[in-house]
């Protein structure tokens, strides 16, 4: 059974981890773009979707702990 504490922790963990990963990708990507390395766009553009996918994967893992619907 999933408790309120599990849902709260999911939100906190997903927010922190997603922000760290997305922020690092964006920062490194834009740093490369500023130095005329166009490969940096491959890091900068998908930064937000990758961060969202991390939270989505964490939520799916928590949802597997739910009992089956009757």
C-alpha atoms as a PDB file:
ATOM      1  CA  UNK A   1       0.000   0.000   0.000  1.00  0.00           C
ATOM      2  CA  UNK A   2       1.259   3.469  -0.892  1.00  0.00           C
ATOM      3  CA  UNK A   3       1.066   6.013   1.912  1.00  0.00           C
ATOM      4  CA  UNK A   4       0.998   9.800   1.869  1.00  0.00           C
ATOM      5  CA  UNK A   5       4.617   9.818   2.967  1.00  0.00           C
ATOM      6  CA  UNK A   6       5.575   7.769  -0.102  1.00  0.00           C
ATOM      7  CA  UNK A   7       3.833  10.253  -2.377  1.00  0.00           C
ATOM      8  CA  UNK A   8       5.486  13.187  -0.608  1.00  0.00           C
ATOM      9  CA  UNK A   9       8.915  11.582  -0.916  1.00  0.00           C
ATOM     10  CA  UNK A  10       8.271  10.805  -4.578  1.00  0.00           C
ATOM     11  CA  UNK A  11       7.569  14.473  -5.251  1.00  0.00           C
ATOM     12  CA  UNK A  12      10.640  15.641  -3.384  1.00  0.00           C
ATOM     13  CA  UNK A  13      12.978  13.073  -4.913  1.00  0.00           C
ATOM     14  CA  UNK A  14      11.660  13.532  -8.442  1.00  0.00           C
ATOM     15  CA  UNK A  15      11.918  17.312  -8.168  1.00  0.00           C
ATOM     16  CA  UNK A  16      15.445  17.353  -6.813  1.00  0.00           C
ATOM     17  CA  UNK A  17      16.895  14.659  -9.079  1.00  0.00           C
ATOM     18  CA  UNK A  18      15.147  16.000 -12.188  1.00  0.00           C
ATOM     19  CA  UNK A  19      16.353  19.534 -11.506  1.00  0.00           C
ATOM     20  CA  UNK A  20      19.912  18.377 -10.974  1.00  0.00           C
ATOM     21  CA  UNK A  21      20.023  16.305 -14.161  1.00  0.00           C
ATOM     22  CA  UNK A  22      18.170  18.846 -16.301  1.00  0.00           C
ATOM     23  CA  UNK A  23      20.186  21.753 -14.927  1.00  0.00           C
ATOM     24  CA  UNK A  24      23.493  20.025 -15.534  1.00  0.00           C
ATOM     25  CA  UNK A  25      22.511  19.123 -19.081  1.00  0.00           C
ATOM     26  CA  UNK A  26      21.327  22.663 -19.770  1.00  0.00           C
ATOM     27  CA  UNK A  27      24.367  24.292 -18.201  1.00  0.00           C
ATOM     28  CA  UNK A  28      26.929  22.113 -19.949  1.00  0.00           C
ATOM     29  CA  UNK A  29      25.031  22.321 -23.249  1.00  0.00           C
ATOM     30  CA  UNK A  30      24.763  26.107 -23.199  1.00  0.00           C
ATOM     31  CA  UNK A  31      28.394  26.375 -22.151  1.00  0.00           C
ATOM     32  CA  UNK A  32      29.364  24.414 -25.232  1.00  0.00           C
ATOM     33  CA  UNK A  33      27.091  26.492 -27.478  1.00  0.00           C
ATOM     34  CA  UNK A  34      28.625  29.739 -26.207  1.00  0.00           C
ATOM     35  CA  UNK A  35      32.054  28.389 -27.169  1.00  0.00           C
ATOM     36  CA  UNK A  36      30.808  27.686 -30.726  1.00  0.00           C
ATOM     37  CA  UNK A  37      30.554  23.925 -30.223  1.00  0.00           C
ATOM     38  CA  UNK A  38      27.184  23.225 -31.788  1.00  0.00           C
ATOM     39  CA  UNK A  39      27.147  19.745 -30.280  1.00  0.00           C
ATOM     40  CA  UNK A  40      26.004  21.516 -27.103  1.00  0.00           C
ATOM     41  CA  UNK A  41      22.504  21.814 -28.550  1.00  0.00           C
ATOM     42  CA  UNK A  42      22.199  18.035 -28.207  1.00  0.00           C
ATOM     43  CA  UNK A  43      22.492  18.504 -24.453  1.00  0.00           C
ATOM     44  CA  UNK A  44      20.638  21.796 -24.034  1.00  0.00           C
ATOM     45  CA  UNK A  45      17.457  21.065 -25.980  1.00  0.00           C
ATOM     46  CA  UNK A  46      16.376  17.760 -24.371  1.00  0.00           C
ATOM     47  CA  UNK A  47      17.291  18.857 -20.819  1.00  0.00           C
ATOM     48  CA  UNK A  48      13.704  19.460 -19.635  1.00  0.00           C
ATOM     49  CA  UNK A  49      12.157  16.311 -21.182  1.00  0.00           C
ATOM     50  CA  UNK A  50      14.914  14.136 -19.716  1.00  0.00           C
ATOM     51  CA  UNK A  51      14.265  15.625 -16.294  1.00  0.00           C
ATOM     52  CA  UNK A  52      10.559  14.910 -16.680  1.00  0.00           C
ATOM     53  CA  UNK A  53      11.181  11.334 -17.744  1.00  0.00           C
ATOM     54  CA  UNK A  54      13.130  10.706 -14.560  1.00  0.00           C
ATOM     55  CA  UNK A  55      10.142  11.776 -12.446  1.00  0.00           C
ATOM     56  CA  UNK A  56       7.814   9.719 -14.629  1.00  0.00           C
ATOM     57  CA  UNK A  57       9.956   6.602 -14.182  1.00  0.00           C
ATOM     58  CA  UNK A  58      10.030   7.101 -10.424  1.00  0.00           C
ATOM     59  CA  UNK A  59       6.227   7.459 -10.326  1.00  0.00           C
ATOM     60  CA  UNK A  60       5.735   4.290 -12.365  1.00  0.00           C
ATOM     61  CA  UNK A  61       7.990   2.389  -9.984  1.00  0.00           C
ATOM     62  CA  UNK A  62       5.899   3.606  -7.044  1.00  0.00           C
ATOM     63  CA  UNK A  63       2.650   2.741  -8.857  1.00  0.00           C
ATOM     64  CA  UNK A  64       3.772  -0.883  -9.200  1.00  0.00           C
ATOM     65  CA  UNK A  65       3.454  -1.147  -5.419  1.00  0.00           C
ATOM     66  CA  UNK A  66      -0.302  -0.468  -5.588  1.00  0.00           C
ATOM     67  CA  UNK A  67      -2.593  -3.444  -5.057  1.00  0.00           C
ATOM     68  CA  UNK A  68      -4.445  -4.610  -8.184  1.00  0.00           C
ATOM     69  CA  UNK A  69      -7.868  -3.042  -8.793  1.00  0.00           C
ATOM     70  CA  UNK A  70     -10.842  -5.278  -8.172  1.00  0.00           C
END
